[in-house]
Protein backbone atom coordinates (compact mmCIF):
# COMPACT_ATOMS: atom_id res chain seq x y z
CA UNK A 1 0.00 0.00 0.00
CA UNK A 2 1.37 3.41 -0.94
CA UNK A 3 2.12 6.13 1.59
CA UNK A 4 2.15 9.85 0.94
CA UNK A 5 4.09 12.83 2.28
CA UNK A 6 4.29 16.51 1.39
CA UNK A 7 7.51 17.94 0.02
CA UNK A 8 6.17 21.48 0.41
CA UNK A 9 3.03 23.32 1.46
CA UNK A 10 0.81 23.98 -1.59
CA UNK A 11 -1.36 26.97 -2.37
CA UNK A 12 -4.85 25.52 -2.57
CA UNK A 13 -7.65 26.74 -4.84
CA UNK A 14 -10.87 27.76 -3.06
CA UNK A 15 -12.46 24.35 -3.68
CA UNK A 16 -9.84 22.75 -1.42
CA UNK A 17 -9.80 25.35 1.34
CA UNK A 18 -11.83 23.26 3.75
CA UNK A 19 -10.98 21.64 7.06
CA UNK A 20 -10.92 18.11 5.60
CA UNK A 21 -8.16 19.01 3.15
CA UNK A 22 -6.22 20.95 5.79
CA UNK A 23 -6.28 17.84 8.01
CA UNK A 24 -4.85 15.71 5.23
CA UNK A 25 -2.13 18.26 4.52
CA UNK A 26 -1.23 18.38 8.21
CA UNK A 27 -1.00 14.57 8.40
CA UNK A 28 1.23 14.41 5.32
CA UNK A 29 3.44 17.24 6.56
CA UNK A 30 4.29 15.14 9.63
CA UNK A 31 5.45 12.07 7.68
CA UNK A 32 4.38 9.30 5.35
CA UNK A 33 0.68 8.42 5.68
CA UNK A 34 -1.28 5.60 4.01
CA UNK A 35 -4.44 6.32 2.04
CA UNK A 36 -6.69 4.67 4.62
CA UNK A 37 -5.45 7.04 7.33
CA UNK A 38 -6.05 10.06 5.10
CA UNK A 39 -9.61 8.90 4.41
CA UNK A 40 -10.24 8.40 8.13
CA UNK A 41 -8.67 11.72 9.19
CA UNK A 42 -10.46 13.79 6.57
CA UNK A 43 -13.89 12.19 6.66
CA UNK A 44 -14.01 12.35 2.86
CA UNK A 45 -14.63 9.46 0.51
CA UNK A 46 -11.78 7.43 -0.95
CA UNK A 47 -12.34 8.89 -4.44
CA UNK A 48 -12.18 12.48 -3.16
CA UNK A 49 -8.94 11.77 -1.30
CA UNK A 50 -7.38 10.10 -4.35
CA UNK A 51 -8.40 13.05 -6.53
CA UNK A 52 -6.82 15.45 -4.03
CA UNK A 53 -3.61 13.39 -4.00
CA UNK A 54 -3.55 13.49 -7.80
CA UNK A 55 -3.87 17.29 -7.66
CA UNK A 56 -0.97 17.51 -5.22
CA UNK A 57 1.10 15.22 -7.43
CA UNK A 58 0.55 17.39 -10.52
CA UNK A 59 1.68 20.41 -8.49
CA UNK A 60 4.88 18.55 -7.58
CA UNK A 61 4.45 18.68 -3.80
CA UNK A 62 3.67 15.01 -3.13
CA UNK A 63 6.14 12.22 -2.38
CA UNK A 64 4.88 8.66 -2.75
CA UNK A 65 6.49 5.48 -1.49
CA UNK A 66 5.63 1.83 -1.13
CA UNK A 67 7.01 0.61 2.20
CA UNK A 68 8.79 -2.75 2.23
CA UNK A 69 6.75 -5.64 3.56
CA UNK A 70 7.91 -7.68 6.52
CA UNK A 71 8.35 -11.41 5.90
CA UNK A 72 5.18 -13.33 6.71
CA UNK A 73 6.68 -15.39 9.52
CA UNK A 74 8.57 -12.55 11.22
CA UNK A 75 5.84 -11.63 13.69
CA UNK A 76 5.09 -15.26 14.43
CA UNK A 77 8.57 -15.94 15.82
CA UNK A 78 8.42 -13.08 18.33
CA UNK A 79 4.95 -14.10 19.50
CA UNK A 80 5.99 -17.70 20.05
CA UNK A 81 9.07 -16.56 21.98
CA UNK A 82 6.93 -14.36 24.22
CA UNK A 83 4.69 -17.36 24.95
CA UNK A 84 7.75 -19.44 25.78
CA UNK A 85 9.13 -16.77 28.14
CA UNK A 86 5.78 -16.54 29.98
CA UNK A 87 5.59 -20.31 30.25
CA UNK A 88 9.09 -20.69 31.67
CA UNK A 89 8.71 -17.97 34.32
CA UNK A 90 8.62 -19.34 37.81
PDB file of N, CA and C in Angstrom:
ATOM      1  N   UNK A   1       0.848  -1.172   0.000  1.00  0.00           N
ATOM      2  CA  UNK A   1       0.000   0.000   0.000  1.00  0.00           C
ATOM      3  C   UNK A   1       0.895   1.238   0.000  1.00  0.00           C
ATOM      4  N   UNK A   2       0.574   2.184  -0.839  1.00  0.00           N
ATOM      5  CA  UNK A   2       1.368   3.408  -0.938  1.00  0.00           C
ATOM      6  C   UNK A   2       1.154   4.305   0.271  1.00  0.00           C
ATOM      7  N   UNK A   3       2.181   5.101   0.548  1.00  0.00           N
ATOM      8  CA  UNK A   3       2.120   6.128   1.592  1.00  0.00           C
ATOM      9  C   UNK A   3       2.491   7.456   0.953  1.00  0.00           C
ATOM     10  N   UNK A   4       1.992   8.533   1.543  1.00  0.00           N
ATOM     11  CA  UNK A   4       2.147   9.854   0.943  1.00  0.00           C
ATOM     12  C   UNK A   4       2.686  10.850   1.958  1.00  0.00           C
ATOM     13  N   UNK A   5       3.508  11.783   1.442  1.00  0.00           N
ATOM     14  CA  UNK A   5       4.094  12.826   2.282  1.00  0.00           C
ATOM     15  C   UNK A   5       4.240  14.095   1.445  1.00  0.00           C
ATOM     16  N   UNK A   6       4.117  15.234   2.100  1.00  0.00           N
ATOM     17  CA  UNK A   6       4.289  16.505   1.394  1.00  0.00           C
ATOM     18  C   UNK A   6       5.762  16.875   1.311  1.00  0.00           C
ATOM     19  N   UNK A   7       6.154  17.410   0.159  1.00  0.00           N
ATOM     20  CA  UNK A   7       7.508  17.940   0.023  1.00  0.00           C
ATOM     21  C   UNK A   7       7.508  19.458   0.200  1.00  0.00           C
ATOM     22  N   UNK A   8       6.326  20.052   0.204  1.00  0.00           N
ATOM     23  CA  UNK A   8       6.165  21.484   0.413  1.00  0.00           C
ATOM     24  C   UNK A   8       4.702  21.798   0.615  1.00  0.00           C
ATOM     25  N   UNK A   9       4.421  22.948   1.192  1.00  0.00           N
ATOM     26  CA  UNK A   9       3.030  23.319   1.458  1.00  0.00           C
ATOM     27  C   UNK A   9       2.449  23.987   0.223  1.00  0.00           C
ATOM     28  N   UNK A  10       1.365  23.428  -0.346  1.00  0.00           N
ATOM     29  CA  UNK A  10       0.806  23.978  -1.588  1.00  0.00           C
ATOM     30  C   UNK A  10      -0.158  25.134  -1.334  1.00  0.00           C
ATOM     31  N   UNK A  11      -0.295  25.970  -2.351  1.00  0.00           N
ATOM     32  CA  UNK A  11      -1.357  26.970  -2.373  1.00  0.00           C
ATOM     33  C   UNK A  11      -2.590  26.260  -2.917  1.00  0.00           C
ATOM     34  N   UNK A  12      -3.657  26.253  -2.156  1.00  0.00           N
ATOM     35  CA  UNK A  12      -4.853  25.525  -2.567  1.00  0.00           C
ATOM     36  C   UNK A  12      -5.874  26.445  -3.209  1.00  0.00           C
ATOM     37  N   UNK A  13      -6.545  25.965  -4.271  1.00  0.00           N
ATOM     38  CA  UNK A  13      -7.653  26.737  -4.835  1.00  0.00           C
ATOM     39  C   UNK A  13      -8.821  26.739  -3.857  1.00  0.00           C
ATOM     40  N   UNK A  14      -9.755  27.653  -3.998  1.00  0.00           N
ATOM     41  CA  UNK A  14     -10.872  27.761  -3.059  1.00  0.00           C
ATOM     42  C   UNK A  14     -11.642  26.453  -2.839  1.00  0.00           C
ATOM     43  N   UNK A  15     -11.724  25.602  -3.836  1.00  0.00           N
ATOM     44  CA  UNK A  15     -12.464  24.346  -3.681  1.00  0.00           C
ATOM     45  C   UNK A  15     -11.832  23.435  -2.624  1.00  0.00           C
ATOM     46  N   UNK A  16     -10.545  23.592  -2.387  1.00  0.00           N
ATOM     47  CA  UNK A  16      -9.842  22.747  -1.422  1.00  0.00           C
ATOM     48  C   UNK A  16      -9.534  23.458  -0.102  1.00  0.00           C
ATOM     49  N   UNK A  17     -10.059  24.630   0.096  1.00  0.00           N
ATOM     50  CA  UNK A  17      -9.796  25.353   1.345  1.00  0.00           C
ATOM     51  C   UNK A  17     -10.858  25.017   2.387  1.00  0.00           C
ATOM     52  N   UNK A  18     -10.903  23.743   2.727  1.00  0.00           N
ATOM     53  CA  UNK A  18     -11.834  23.259   3.747  1.00  0.00           C
ATOM     54  C   UNK A  18     -11.041  22.487   4.789  1.00  0.00           C
ATOM     55  N   UNK A  19     -11.639  22.299   5.936  1.00  0.00           N
ATOM     56  CA  UNK A  19     -10.977  21.642   7.059  1.00  0.00           C
ATOM     57  C   UNK A  19     -10.505  20.238   6.703  1.00  0.00           C
ATOM     58  N   UNK A  20     -11.289  19.487   5.948  1.00  0.00           N
ATOM     59  CA  UNK A  20     -10.924  18.111   5.603  1.00  0.00           C
ATOM     60  C   UNK A  20      -9.592  18.069   4.857  1.00  0.00           C
ATOM     61  N   UNK A  21      -9.394  18.985   3.928  1.00  0.00           N
ATOM     62  CA  UNK A  21      -8.156  19.009   3.149  1.00  0.00           C
ATOM     63  C   UNK A  21      -6.987  19.511   3.999  1.00  0.00           C
ATOM     64  N   UNK A  22      -7.264  20.459   4.882  1.00  0.00           N
ATOM     65  CA  UNK A  22      -6.216  20.947   5.786  1.00  0.00           C
ATOM     66  C   UNK A  22      -5.734  19.822   6.705  1.00  0.00           C
ATOM     67  N   UNK A  23      -6.656  18.975   7.156  1.00  0.00           N
ATOM     68  CA  UNK A  23      -6.282  17.838   8.012  1.00  0.00           C
ATOM     69  C   UNK A  23      -5.368  16.872   7.271  1.00  0.00           C
ATOM     70  N   UNK A  24      -5.698  16.607   6.017  1.00  0.00           N
ATOM     71  CA  UNK A  24      -4.850  15.710   5.228  1.00  0.00           C
ATOM     72  C   UNK A  24      -3.466  16.310   5.022  1.00  0.00           C
ATOM     73  N   UNK A  25      -3.424  17.597   4.714  1.00  0.00           N
ATOM     74  CA  UNK A  25      -2.128  18.258   4.520  1.00  0.00           C
ATOM     75  C   UNK A  25      -1.298  18.203   5.800  1.00  0.00           C
ATOM     76  N   UNK A  26      -1.945  18.438   6.925  1.00  0.00           N
ATOM     77  CA  UNK A  26      -1.228  18.378   8.206  1.00  0.00           C
ATOM     78  C   UNK A  26      -0.658  16.979   8.441  1.00  0.00           C
ATOM     79  N   UNK A  27      -1.464  15.942   8.218  1.00  0.00           N
ATOM     80  CA  UNK A  27      -1.000  14.567   8.397  1.00  0.00           C
ATOM     81  C   UNK A  27       0.218  14.291   7.517  1.00  0.00           C
ATOM     82  N   UNK A  28       0.131  14.687   6.253  1.00  0.00           N
ATOM     83  CA  UNK A  28       1.225  14.408   5.317  1.00  0.00           C
ATOM     84  C   UNK A  28       2.445  15.274   5.572  1.00  0.00           C
ATOM     85  N   UNK A  29       2.275  16.401   6.238  1.00  0.00           N
ATOM     86  CA  UNK A  29       3.442  17.239   6.557  1.00  0.00           C
ATOM     87  C   UNK A  29       4.242  16.647   7.714  1.00  0.00           C
ATOM     88  N   UNK A  30       3.623  15.759   8.492  1.00  0.00           N
ATOM     89  CA  UNK A  30       4.295  15.136   9.635  1.00  0.00           C
ATOM     90  C   UNK A  30       5.107  13.901   9.236  1.00  0.00           C
ATOM     91  N   UNK A  31       4.757  13.270   8.133  1.00  0.00           N
ATOM     92  CA  UNK A  31       5.454  12.069   7.684  1.00  0.00           C
ATOM     93  C   UNK A  31       4.604  11.295   6.698  1.00  0.00           C
ATOM     94  N   UNK A  32       5.098  10.125   6.314  1.00  0.00           N
ATOM     95  CA  UNK A  32       4.380   9.301   5.345  1.00  0.00           C
ATOM     96  C   UNK A  32       3.104   8.735   5.962  1.00  0.00           C
ATOM     97  N   UNK A  33       2.004   8.817   5.197  1.00  0.00           N
ATOM     98  CA  UNK A  33       0.681   8.415   5.680  1.00  0.00           C
ATOM     99  C   UNK A  33       0.011   7.554   4.612  1.00  0.00           C
ATOM    100  N   UNK A  34      -0.556   6.411   4.998  1.00  0.00           N
ATOM    101  CA  UNK A  34      -1.280   5.597   4.010  1.00  0.00           C
ATOM    102  C   UNK A  34      -2.636   6.211   3.658  1.00  0.00           C
ATOM    103  N   UNK A  35      -3.164   5.799   2.527  1.00  0.00           N
ATOM    104  CA  UNK A  35      -4.443   6.319   2.035  1.00  0.00           C
ATOM    105  C   UNK A  35      -5.563   6.108   3.041  1.00  0.00           C
ATOM    106  N   UNK A  36      -5.609   4.953   3.672  1.00  0.00           N
ATOM    107  CA  UNK A  36      -6.693   4.667   4.617  1.00  0.00           C
ATOM    108  C   UNK A  36      -6.698   5.659   5.777  1.00  0.00           C
ATOM    109  N   UNK A  37      -5.520   6.068   6.230  1.00  0.00           N
ATOM    110  CA  UNK A  37      -5.452   7.038   7.330  1.00  0.00           C
ATOM    111  C   UNK A  37      -5.906   8.423   6.867  1.00  0.00           C
ATOM    112  N   UNK A  38      -5.606   8.769   5.630  1.00  0.00           N
ATOM    113  CA  UNK A  38      -6.055  10.060   5.103  1.00  0.00           C
ATOM    114  C   UNK A  38      -7.576  10.093   4.962  1.00  0.00           C
ATOM    115  N   UNK A  39      -8.150   8.990   4.524  1.00  0.00           N
ATOM    116  CA  UNK A  39      -9.611   8.904   4.409  1.00  0.00           C
ATOM    117  C   UNK A  39     -10.240   9.053   5.788  1.00  0.00           C
ATOM    118  N   UNK A  40      -9.686   8.348   6.769  1.00  0.00           N
ATOM    119  CA  UNK A  40     -10.236   8.397   8.133  1.00  0.00           C
ATOM    120  C   UNK A  40     -10.075   9.794   8.749  1.00  0.00           C
ATOM    121  N   UNK A  41      -8.919  10.409   8.574  1.00  0.00           N
ATOM    122  CA  UNK A  41      -8.665  11.719   9.186  1.00  0.00           C
ATOM    123  C   UNK A  41      -9.509  12.820   8.559  1.00  0.00           C
ATOM    124  N   UNK A  42      -9.744  12.718   7.258  1.00  0.00           N
ATOM    125  CA  UNK A  42     -10.459  13.795   6.569  1.00  0.00           C
ATOM    126  C   UNK A  42     -11.973  13.646   6.644  1.00  0.00           C
ATOM    127  N   UNK A  43     -12.453  12.416   6.704  1.00  0.00           N
ATOM    128  CA  UNK A  43     -13.889  12.193   6.660  1.00  0.00           C
ATOM    129  C   UNK A  43     -14.451  12.228   5.249  1.00  0.00           C
ATOM    130  N   UNK A  44     -13.579  12.342   4.258  1.00  0.00           N
ATOM    131  CA  UNK A  44     -14.006  12.349   2.858  1.00  0.00           C
ATOM    132  C   UNK A  44     -14.023  10.927   2.318  1.00  0.00           C
ATOM    133  N   UNK A  45     -14.627  10.765   1.166  1.00  0.00           N
ATOM    134  CA  UNK A  45     -14.632   9.463   0.510  1.00  0.00           C
ATOM    135  C   UNK A  45     -13.278   9.155  -0.116  1.00  0.00           C
ATOM    136  N   UNK A  46     -13.056   7.885  -0.377  1.00  0.00           N
ATOM    137  CA  UNK A  46     -11.785   7.433  -0.946  1.00  0.00           C
ATOM    138  C   UNK A  46     -11.495   8.113  -2.290  1.00  0.00           C
ATOM    139  N   UNK A  47     -12.524   8.259  -3.131  1.00  0.00           N
ATOM    140  CA  UNK A  47     -12.336   8.894  -4.441  1.00  0.00           C
ATOM    141  C   UNK A  47     -11.920  10.350  -4.304  1.00  0.00           C
ATOM    142  N   UNK A  48     -12.530  11.069  -3.372  1.00  0.00           N
ATOM    143  CA  UNK A  48     -12.184  12.482  -3.162  1.00  0.00           C
ATOM    144  C   UNK A  48     -10.743  12.621  -2.682  1.00  0.00           C
ATOM    145  N   UNK A  49     -10.315  11.728  -1.810  1.00  0.00           N
ATOM    146  CA  UNK A  49      -8.937  11.774  -1.302  1.00  0.00           C
ATOM    147  C   UNK A  49      -7.957  11.452  -2.429  1.00  0.00           C
ATOM    148  N   UNK A  50      -8.267  10.448  -3.229  1.00  0.00           N
ATOM    149  CA  UNK A  50      -7.383  10.097  -4.350  1.00  0.00           C
ATOM    150  C   UNK A  50      -7.300  11.229  -5.370  1.00  0.00           C
ATOM    151  N   UNK A  51      -8.409  11.907  -5.609  1.00  0.00           N
ATOM    152  CA  UNK A  51      -8.404  13.051  -6.528  1.00  0.00           C
ATOM    153  C   UNK A  51      -7.539  14.170  -5.966  1.00  0.00           C
ATOM    154  N   UNK A  52      -7.630  14.423  -4.681  1.00  0.00           N
ATOM    155  CA  UNK A  52      -6.817  15.452  -4.033  1.00  0.00           C
ATOM    156  C   UNK A  52      -5.330  15.093  -4.122  1.00  0.00           C
ATOM    157  N   UNK A  53      -5.006  13.830  -3.889  1.00  0.00           N
ATOM    158  CA  UNK A  53      -3.610  13.390  -3.997  1.00  0.00           C
ATOM    159  C   UNK A  53      -3.088  13.562  -5.419  1.00  0.00           C
ATOM    160  N   UNK A  54      -3.939  13.301  -6.403  1.00  0.00           N
ATOM    161  CA  UNK A  54      -3.546  13.494  -7.799  1.00  0.00           C
ATOM    162  C   UNK A  54      -3.265  14.972  -8.079  1.00  0.00           C
ATOM    163  N   UNK A  55      -4.087  15.843  -7.503  1.00  0.00           N
ATOM    164  CA  UNK A  55      -3.870  17.286  -7.664  1.00  0.00           C
ATOM    165  C   UNK A  55      -2.530  17.711  -7.061  1.00  0.00           C
ATOM    166  N   UNK A  56      -2.239  17.183  -5.867  1.00  0.00           N
ATOM    167  CA  UNK A  56      -0.966  17.506  -5.221  1.00  0.00           C
ATOM    168  C   UNK A  56       0.213  16.984  -6.033  1.00  0.00           C
ATOM    169  N   UNK A  57       0.042  15.812  -6.623  1.00  0.00           N
ATOM    170  CA  UNK A  57       1.102  15.216  -7.432  1.00  0.00           C
ATOM    171  C   UNK A  57       1.393  16.064  -8.672  1.00  0.00           C
ATOM    172  N   UNK A  58       0.337  16.556  -9.331  1.00  0.00           N
ATOM    173  CA  UNK A  58       0.546  17.386 -10.523  1.00  0.00           C
ATOM    174  C   UNK A  58       1.208  18.714 -10.171  1.00  0.00           C
ATOM    175  N   UNK A  59       1.026  19.171  -8.946  1.00  0.00           N
ATOM    176  CA  UNK A  59       1.680  20.406  -8.486  1.00  0.00           C
ATOM    177  C   UNK A  59       3.122  20.164  -8.049  1.00  0.00           C
ATOM    178  N   UNK A  60       3.501  18.890  -7.933  1.00  0.00           N
ATOM    179  CA  UNK A  60       4.884  18.553  -7.579  1.00  0.00           C
ATOM    180  C   UNK A  60       5.209  18.655  -6.098  1.00  0.00           C
ATOM    181  N   UNK A  61       4.200  18.558  -5.244  1.00  0.00           N
ATOM    182  CA  UNK A  61       4.447  18.676  -3.802  1.00  0.00           C
ATOM    183  C   UNK A  61       4.154  17.383  -3.042  1.00  0.00           C
ATOM    184  N   UNK A  62       4.023  16.270  -3.766  1.00  0.00           N
ATOM    185  CA  UNK A  62       3.674  15.009  -3.131  1.00  0.00           C
ATOM    186  C   UNK A  62       4.774  13.979  -3.370  1.00  0.00           C
ATOM    187  N   UNK A  63       5.186  13.320  -2.301  1.00  0.00           N
ATOM    188  CA  UNK A  63       6.143  12.219  -2.378  1.00  0.00           C
ATOM    189  C   UNK A  63       5.378  10.937  -2.084  1.00  0.00           C
ATOM    190  N   UNK A  64       5.537   9.948  -2.940  1.00  0.00           N
ATOM    191  CA  UNK A  64       4.879   8.656  -2.754  1.00  0.00           C
ATOM    192  C   UNK A  64       5.936   7.592  -2.523  1.00  0.00           C
ATOM    193  N   UNK A  65       5.594   6.622  -1.670  1.00  0.00           N
ATOM    194  CA  UNK A  65       6.489   5.480  -1.485  1.00  0.00           C
ATOM    195  C   UNK A  65       5.640   4.243  -1.188  1.00  0.00           C
ATOM    196  N   UNK A  66       6.226   3.108  -1.488  1.00  0.00           N
ATOM    197  CA  UNK A  66       5.629   1.831  -1.132  1.00  0.00           C
ATOM    198  C   UNK A  66       6.556   1.205  -0.100  1.00  0.00           C
ATOM    199  N   UNK A  67       6.121   1.140   1.166  1.00  0.00           N
ATOM    200  CA  UNK A  67       7.014   0.610   2.205  1.00  0.00           C
ATOM    201  C   UNK A  67       7.291  -0.871   1.990  1.00  0.00           C
ATOM    202  N   UNK A  68       8.491  -1.321   2.364  1.00  0.00           N
ATOM    203  CA  UNK A  68       8.788  -2.749   2.227  1.00  0.00           C
ATOM    204  C   UNK A  68       7.927  -3.575   3.172  1.00  0.00           C
ATOM    205  N   UNK A  69       7.559  -4.760   2.730  1.00  0.00           N
ATOM    206  CA  UNK A  69       6.749  -5.645   3.561  1.00  0.00           C
ATOM    207  C   UNK A  69       7.644  -6.513   4.424  1.00  0.00           C
ATOM    208  N   UNK A  70       7.194  -6.771   5.631  1.00  0.00           N
ATOM    209  CA  UNK A  70       7.910  -7.678   6.519  1.00  0.00           C
ATOM    210  C   UNK A  70       7.640  -9.112   6.069  1.00  0.00           C
ATOM    211  N   UNK A  71       8.605 -10.010   6.249  1.00  0.00           N
ATOM    212  CA  UNK A  71       8.351 -11.407   5.905  1.00  0.00           C
ATOM    213  C   UNK A  71       7.152 -11.938   6.692  1.00  0.00           C
ATOM    214  N   UNK A  72       6.409 -12.844   6.090  1.00  0.00           N
ATOM    215  CA  UNK A  72       5.178 -13.335   6.706  1.00  0.00           C
ATOM    216  C   UNK A  72       5.400 -13.980   8.060  1.00  0.00           C
ATOM    217  N   UNK A  73       6.462 -14.691   8.257  1.00  0.00           N
ATOM    218  CA  UNK A  73       6.676 -15.393   9.521  1.00  0.00           C
ATOM    219  C   UNK A  73       7.396 -14.578  10.574  1.00  0.00           C
ATOM    220  N   UNK A  74       7.775 -13.343  10.283  1.00  0.00           N
ATOM    221  CA  UNK A  74       8.573 -12.548  11.218  1.00  0.00           C
ATOM    222  C   UNK A  74       7.853 -12.288  12.528  1.00  0.00           C
ATOM    223  N   UNK A  75       6.597 -11.909  12.476  1.00  0.00           N
ATOM    224  CA  UNK A  75       5.844 -11.633  13.690  1.00  0.00           C
ATOM    225  C   UNK A  75       5.538 -12.886  14.476  1.00  0.00           C
ATOM    226  N   UNK A  76       5.425 -13.998  13.788  1.00  0.00           N
ATOM    227  CA  UNK A  76       5.093 -15.258  14.435  1.00  0.00           C
ATOM    228  C   UNK A  76       6.199 -15.707  15.389  1.00  0.00           C
ATOM    229  N   UNK A  77       7.446 -15.506  14.990  1.00  0.00           N
ATOM    230  CA  UNK A  77       8.572 -15.938  15.820  1.00  0.00           C
ATOM    231  C   UNK A  77       8.614 -15.168  17.132  1.00  0.00           C
ATOM    232  N   UNK A  78       8.373 -13.862  17.095  1.00  0.00           N
ATOM    233  CA  UNK A  78       8.418 -13.078  18.332  1.00  0.00           C
ATOM    234  C   UNK A  78       7.251 -13.423  19.247  1.00  0.00           C
ATOM    235  N   UNK A  79       6.084 -13.715  18.661  1.00  0.00           N
ATOM    236  CA  UNK A  79       4.946 -14.100  19.499  1.00  0.00           C
ATOM    237  C   UNK A  79       5.190 -15.436  20.180  1.00  0.00           C
ATOM    238  N   UNK A  80       5.760 -16.389  19.450  1.00  0.00           N
ATOM    239  CA  UNK A  80       5.994 -17.703  20.050  1.00  0.00           C
ATOM    240  C   UNK A  80       7.064 -17.605  21.132  1.00  0.00           C
ATOM    241  N   UNK A  81       8.041 -16.734  20.955  1.00  0.00           N
ATOM    242  CA  UNK A  81       9.073 -16.559  21.976  1.00  0.00           C
ATOM    243  C   UNK A  81       8.479 -15.913  23.225  1.00  0.00           C
ATOM    244  N   UNK A  82       7.571 -14.998  23.063  1.00  0.00           N
ATOM    245  CA  UNK A  82       6.928 -14.364  24.218  1.00  0.00           C
ATOM    246  C   UNK A  82       6.125 -15.405  24.996  1.00  0.00           C
ATOM    247  N   UNK A  83       5.440 -16.290  24.294  1.00  0.00           N
ATOM    248  CA  UNK A  83       4.691 -17.355  24.946  1.00  0.00           C
ATOM    249  C   UNK A  83       5.634 -18.265  25.715  1.00  0.00           C
ATOM    250  N   UNK A  84       6.778 -18.567  25.133  1.00  0.00           N
ATOM    251  CA  UNK A  84       7.754 -19.444  25.780  1.00  0.00           C
ATOM    252  C   UNK A  84       8.309 -18.792  27.040  1.00  0.00           C
ATOM    253  N   UNK A  85       8.606 -17.484  26.956  1.00  0.00           N
ATOM    254  CA  UNK A  85       9.125 -16.771  28.143  1.00  0.00           C
ATOM    255  C   UNK A  85       8.101 -16.768  29.270  1.00  0.00           C
ATOM    256  N   UNK A  86       6.825 -16.530  28.944  1.00  0.00           N
ATOM    257  CA  UNK A  86       5.780 -16.541  29.976  1.00  0.00           C
ATOM    258  C   UNK A  86       5.626 -17.923  30.587  1.00  0.00           C
ATOM    259  N   UNK A  87       5.760 -18.938  29.778  1.00  0.00           N
ATOM    260  CA  UNK A  87       5.592 -20.313  30.250  1.00  0.00           C
ATOM    261  C   UNK A  87       6.729 -20.720  31.184  1.00  0.00           C
ATOM    262  N   UNK A  88       7.925 -20.270  30.891  1.00  0.00           N
ATOM    263  CA  UNK A  88       9.090 -20.693  31.669  1.00  0.00           C
ATOM    264  C   UNK A  88       9.305 -19.876  32.940  1.00  0.00           C
ATOM    265  N   UNK A  89       8.573 -18.785  33.094  1.00  0.00           N
ATOM    266  CA  UNK A  89       8.710 -17.975  34.317  1.00  0.00           C
ATOM    267  C   UNK A  89       8.244 -18.776  35.524  1.00  0.00           C
ATOM    268  N   UNK A  90       8.975 -18.614  36.573  1.00  0.00           N
ATOM    269  CA  UNK A  90       8.619 -19.338  37.811  1.00  0.00           C
ATOM    270  C   UNK A  90       8.218 -18.359  38.885  1.00  0.00           C
TER     271      UNK A  90
END
